[in-house]
């Protein structure tokens, strides 16, 4: 143990510095832990709005289903997959990605309502999703996920 006054003061400053660093690091972790998820939700919402808007324009222009799907596939970023959720809850892939688990969308969702959540892929990994309700239906909302 340090016996001189200078060594005790130095040890106290070192201990205080370590405690402060641990406290600031812990507080930063708590404050920022949800930031990545929020940023991903915002990005997915922006992408979904763009895809839904593009799909509406293509349908209004008289583009057939095959042409609309081809154009939508070209607009999808490589790290994003898009799925169409039918009114009965089935999922139909628009892109070539792997299957994902069930996606819950409120059956009474109004057209354009946005839902965020988490689903599981075939490997069991968690995926963040954004679903845009396209049209309400008796059994459940049709949505672009």
C-alpha atoms as a PDB file:
ATOM      1  CA  UNK A   1       0.000   0.000   0.000  1.00  0.00           C
ATOM      2  CA  UNK A   2       1.223   3.457  -0.774  1.00  0.00           C
ATOM      3  CA  UNK A   3       2.518   5.218   2.329  1.00  0.00           C
ATOM      4  CA  UNK A   4       3.452   8.650   1.053  1.00  0.00           C
ATOM      5  CA  UNK A   5       0.855  11.399   0.720  1.00  0.00           C
ATOM      6  CA  UNK A   6       1.708  11.954  -2.956  1.00  0.00           C
ATOM      7  CA  UNK A   7       1.146   8.260  -3.781  1.00  0.00           C
ATOM      8  CA  UNK A   8      -2.201   8.261  -1.944  1.00  0.00           C
ATOM      9  CA  UNK A   9      -3.358  11.368  -3.810  1.00  0.00           C
ATOM     10  CA  UNK A  10      -2.272   9.861  -7.164  1.00  0.00           C
ATOM     11  CA  UNK A  11      -4.081   6.615  -6.343  1.00  0.00           C
ATOM     12  CA  UNK A  12      -7.224   8.558  -5.411  1.00  0.00           C
ATOM     13  CA  UNK A  13      -7.141  10.440  -8.736  1.00  0.00           C
ATOM     14  CA  UNK A  14      -6.665   7.201 -10.689  1.00  0.00           C
ATOM     15  CA  UNK A  15      -9.576   5.557  -8.840  1.00  0.00           C
ATOM     16  CA  UNK A  16     -11.768   8.638  -9.419  1.00  0.00           C
ATOM     17  CA  UNK A  17     -10.870   8.678 -13.141  1.00  0.00           C
ATOM     18  CA  UNK A  18     -11.762   5.005 -13.567  1.00  0.00           C
ATOM     19  CA  UNK A  19     -15.068   5.504 -11.729  1.00  0.00           C
ATOM     20  CA  UNK A  20     -15.939   8.549 -13.853  1.00  0.00           C
ATOM     21  CA  UNK A  21     -15.102   6.750 -17.098  1.00  0.00           C
ATOM     22  CA  UNK A  22     -17.229   3.771 -16.085  1.00  0.00           C
ATOM     23  CA  UNK A  23     -20.127   6.071 -15.140  1.00  0.00           C
ATOM     24  CA  UNK A  24     -19.971   8.109 -18.350  1.00  0.00           C
ATOM     25  CA  UNK A  25     -19.650   4.943 -20.470  1.00  0.00           C
ATOM     26  CA  UNK A  26     -22.626   3.337 -18.755  1.00  0.00           C
ATOM     27  CA  UNK A  27     -24.765   6.453 -19.103  1.00  0.00           C
ATOM     28  CA  UNK A  28     -23.865   6.766 -22.786  1.00  0.00           C
ATOM     29  CA  UNK A  29     -24.778   3.135 -23.390  1.00  0.00           C
ATOM     30  CA  UNK A  30     -28.180   3.553 -21.716  1.00  0.00           C
ATOM     31  CA  UNK A  31     -28.985   6.749 -23.612  1.00  0.00           C
ATOM     32  CA  UNK A  32     -27.866   5.543 -27.041  1.00  0.00           C
ATOM     33  CA  UNK A  33     -28.845   1.847 -26.969  1.00  0.00           C
ATOM     34  CA  UNK A  34     -32.048   2.391 -28.952  1.00  0.00           C
ATOM     35  CA  UNK A  35     -30.545   4.822 -31.455  1.00  0.00           C
ATOM     36  CA  UNK A  36     -29.581   2.151 -33.994  1.00  0.00           C
ATOM     37  CA  UNK A  37     -33.065   0.627 -33.969  1.00  0.00           C
ATOM     38  CA  UNK A  38     -34.689   4.043 -34.356  1.00  0.00           C
ATOM     39  CA  UNK A  39     -32.383   4.924 -37.257  1.00  0.00           C
ATOM     40  CA  UNK A  40     -33.172   1.601 -38.957  1.00  0.00           C
ATOM     41  CA  UNK A  41     -36.932   2.135 -38.479  1.00  0.00           C
ATOM     42  CA  UNK A  42     -36.644   5.620 -40.006  1.00  0.00           C
ATOM     43  CA  UNK A  43     -34.650   4.295 -42.989  1.00  0.00           C
ATOM     44  CA  UNK A  44     -37.137   1.466 -43.575  1.00  0.00           C
ATOM     45  CA  UNK A  45     -40.044   3.923 -43.389  1.00  0.00           C
ATOM     46  CA  UNK A  46     -38.399   6.140 -46.010  1.00  0.00           C
ATOM     47  CA  UNK A  47     -37.765   3.151 -48.293  1.00  0.00           C
ATOM     48  CA  UNK A  48     -41.313   1.818 -47.809  1.00  0.00           C
ATOM     49  CA  UNK A  49     -42.868   5.217 -48.573  1.00  0.00           C
ATOM     50  CA  UNK A  50     -40.830   5.439 -51.777  1.00  0.00           C
ATOM     51  CA  UNK A  51     -41.730   1.918 -52.904  1.00  0.00           C
ATOM     52  CA  UNK A  52     -45.440   2.371 -52.151  1.00  0.00           C
ATOM     53  CA  UNK A  53     -45.449   5.716 -53.978  1.00  0.00           C
ATOM     54  CA  UNK A  54     -43.680   4.196 -56.969  1.00  0.00           C
ATOM     55  CA  UNK A  55     -46.098   1.239 -57.016  1.00  0.00           C
ATOM     56  CA  UNK A  56     -49.106   3.582 -56.969  1.00  0.00           C
ATOM     57  CA  UNK A  57     -47.679   5.595 -59.885  1.00  0.00           C
ATOM     58  CA  UNK A  58     -47.006   2.441 -61.913  1.00  0.00           C
ATOM     59  CA  UNK A  59     -50.495   1.067 -61.268  1.00  0.00           C
ATOM     60  CA  UNK A  60     -52.078   4.432 -62.147  1.00  0.00           C
ATOM     61  CA  UNK A  61     -50.038   4.498 -65.381  1.00  0.00           C
ATOM     62  CA  UNK A  62     -51.486   1.120 -66.364  1.00  0.00           C
ATOM     63  CA  UNK A  63     -48.329  -0.929 -65.832  1.00  0.00           C
ATOM     64  CA  UNK A  64     -49.264  -4.571 -65.407  1.00  0.00           C
ATOM     65  CA  UNK A  65     -48.403  -6.639 -62.325  1.00  0.00           C
ATOM     66  CA  UNK A  66     -45.248  -8.141 -63.877  1.00  0.00           C
ATOM     67  CA  UNK A  67     -43.922  -4.739 -64.957  1.00  0.00           C
ATOM     68  CA  UNK A  68     -44.737  -3.234 -61.568  1.00  0.00           C
ATOM     69  CA  UNK A  69     -42.951  -6.030 -59.706  1.00  0.00           C
ATOM     70  CA  UNK A  70     -39.918  -5.765 -62.007  1.00  0.00           C
ATOM     71  CA  UNK A  71     -39.694  -2.011 -61.441  1.00  0.00           C
ATOM     72  CA  UNK A  72     -40.075  -2.466 -57.676  1.00  0.00           C
ATOM     73  CA  UNK A  73     -37.329  -5.109 -57.567  1.00  0.00           C
ATOM     74  CA  UNK A  74     -34.970  -2.651 -59.237  1.00  0.00           C
ATOM     75  CA  UNK A  75     -35.781   0.015 -56.606  1.00  0.00           C
ATOM     76  CA  UNK A  76     -35.051  -2.188 -53.579  1.00  0.00           C
ATOM     77  CA  UNK A  77     -31.654  -1.650 -51.900  1.00  0.00           C
ATOM     78  CA  UNK A  78     -29.481  -4.769 -51.642  1.00  0.00           C
ATOM     79  CA  UNK A  79     -29.697  -4.956 -47.831  1.00  0.00           C
ATOM     80  CA  UNK A  80     -33.510  -4.658 -47.729  1.00  0.00           C
ATOM     81  CA  UNK A  81     -36.102  -7.281 -48.607  1.00  0.00           C
ATOM     82  CA  UNK A  82     -39.712  -6.520 -49.499  1.00  0.00           C
ATOM     83  CA  UNK A  83     -42.698  -8.769 -48.871  1.00  0.00           C
ATOM     84  CA  UNK A  84     -46.384  -8.372 -49.663  1.00  0.00           C
ATOM     85  CA  UNK A  85     -48.692  -9.398 -46.818  1.00  0.00           C
ATOM     86  CA  UNK A  86     -52.070 -10.582 -48.039  1.00  0.00           C
ATOM     87  CA  UNK A  87     -55.294 -10.035 -46.108  1.00  0.00           C
ATOM     88  CA  UNK A  88     -55.173 -13.591 -44.730  1.00  0.00           C
ATOM     89  CA  UNK A  89     -51.650 -13.070 -43.359  1.00  0.00           C
ATOM     90  CA  UNK A  90     -49.697 -14.978 -46.020  1.00  0.00           C
ATOM     91  CA  UNK A  91     -46.406 -13.431 -47.114  1.00  0.00           C
ATOM     92  CA  UNK A  92     -45.426 -13.245 -50.791  1.00  0.00           C
ATOM     93  CA  UNK A  93     -41.838 -12.201 -51.541  1.00  0.00           C
ATOM     94  CA  UNK A  94     -41.273  -9.442 -54.074  1.00  0.00           C
ATOM     95  CA  UNK A  95     -37.505  -9.855 -53.980  1.00  0.00           C
ATOM     96  CA  UNK A  96     -35.280 -12.926 -53.890  1.00  0.00           C
ATOM     97  CA  UNK A  97     -34.669 -12.894 -50.126  1.00  0.00           C
ATOM     98  CA  UNK A  98     -35.289 -15.788 -47.783  1.00  0.00           C
ATOM     99  CA  UNK A  99     -38.553 -16.390 -45.926  1.00  0.00           C
ATOM    100  CA  UNK A 100     -39.461 -14.471 -42.796  1.00  0.00           C
ATOM    101  CA  UNK A 101     -41.826 -15.334 -39.976  1.00  0.00           C
ATOM    102  CA  UNK A 102     -45.299 -13.913 -39.404  1.00  0.00           C
ATOM    103  CA  UNK A 103     -45.742 -10.148 -39.490  1.00  0.00           C
ATOM    104  CA  UNK A 104     -48.505  -8.681 -37.355  1.00  0.00           C
ATOM    105  CA  UNK A 105     -50.409  -5.780 -38.901  1.00  0.00           C
ATOM    106  CA  UNK A 106     -53.499  -4.363 -37.201  1.00  0.00           C
ATOM    107  CA  UNK A 107     -56.540  -5.598 -39.189  1.00  0.00           C
ATOM    108  CA  UNK A 108     -58.167  -2.179 -38.901  1.00  0.00           C
ATOM    109  CA  UNK A 109     -55.141  -0.280 -40.203  1.00  0.00           C
ATOM    110  CA  UNK A 110     -56.061   2.606 -42.470  1.00  0.00           C
ATOM    111  CA  UNK A 111     -54.445   2.902 -45.885  1.00  0.00           C
ATOM    112  CA  UNK A 112     -50.920   4.252 -45.439  1.00  0.00           C
ATOM    113  CA  UNK A 113     -50.697   3.354 -41.736  1.00  0.00           C
ATOM    114  CA  UNK A 114     -47.180   2.328 -40.759  1.00  0.00           C
ATOM    115  CA  UNK A 115     -46.360  -0.489 -38.337  1.00  0.00           C
ATOM    116  CA  UNK A 116     -42.884  -1.248 -36.970  1.00  0.00           C
ATOM    117  CA  UNK A 117     -41.866  -4.514 -35.356  1.00  0.00           C
ATOM    118  CA  UNK A 118     -39.564  -7.503 -35.258  1.00  0.00           C
ATOM    119  CA  UNK A 119     -39.903 -10.787 -37.152  1.00  0.00           C
ATOM    120  CA  UNK A 120     -37.684 -13.869 -37.392  1.00  0.00           C
ATOM    121  CA  UNK A 121     -36.092 -15.247 -40.536  1.00  0.00           C
ATOM    122  CA  UNK A 122     -35.619 -18.952 -41.336  1.00  0.00           C
ATOM    123  CA  UNK A 123     -32.349 -19.014 -39.356  1.00  0.00           C
ATOM    124  CA  UNK A 124     -34.059 -17.526 -36.299  1.00  0.00           C
ATOM    125  CA  UNK A 125     -32.331 -14.141 -36.545  1.00  0.00           C
ATOM    126  CA  UNK A 126     -34.338 -11.068 -35.560  1.00  0.00           C
ATOM    127  CA  UNK A 127     -35.255  -8.690 -38.383  1.00  0.00           C
ATOM    128  CA  UNK A 128     -36.669  -5.196 -37.987  1.00  0.00           C
ATOM    129  CA  UNK A 129     -39.603  -4.525 -40.294  1.00  0.00           C
ATOM    130  CA  UNK A 130     -41.768  -1.649 -41.390  1.00  0.00           C
ATOM    131  CA  UNK A 131     -45.193  -2.467 -42.827  1.00  0.00           C
ATOM    132  CA  UNK A 132     -47.276   0.024 -44.804  1.00  0.00           C
ATOM    133  CA  UNK A 133     -50.968  -0.848 -44.950  1.00  0.00           C
ATOM    134  CA  UNK A 134     -52.097  -0.789 -48.575  1.00  0.00           C
ATOM    135  CA  UNK A 135     -55.756  -1.546 -48.096  1.00  0.00           C
ATOM    136  CA  UNK A 136     -57.904  -2.646 -45.165  1.00  0.00           C
ATOM    137  CA  UNK A 137     -59.672  -5.976 -45.587  1.00  0.00           C
ATOM    138  CA  UNK A 138     -62.149  -8.024 -43.581  1.00  0.00           C
ATOM    139  CA  UNK A 139     -59.572 -10.634 -42.492  1.00  0.00           C
ATOM    140  CA  UNK A 140     -56.656  -8.222 -42.053  1.00  0.00           C
ATOM    141  CA  UNK A 141     -54.841  -5.400 -43.771  1.00  0.00           C
ATOM    142  CA  UNK A 142     -52.876  -5.929 -46.962  1.00  0.00           C
ATOM    143  CA  UNK A 143     -49.452  -4.426 -46.454  1.00  0.00           C
ATOM    144  CA  UNK A 144     -46.072  -3.927 -48.028  1.00  0.00           C
ATOM    145  CA  UNK A 145     -43.472  -5.159 -45.526  1.00  0.00           C
END
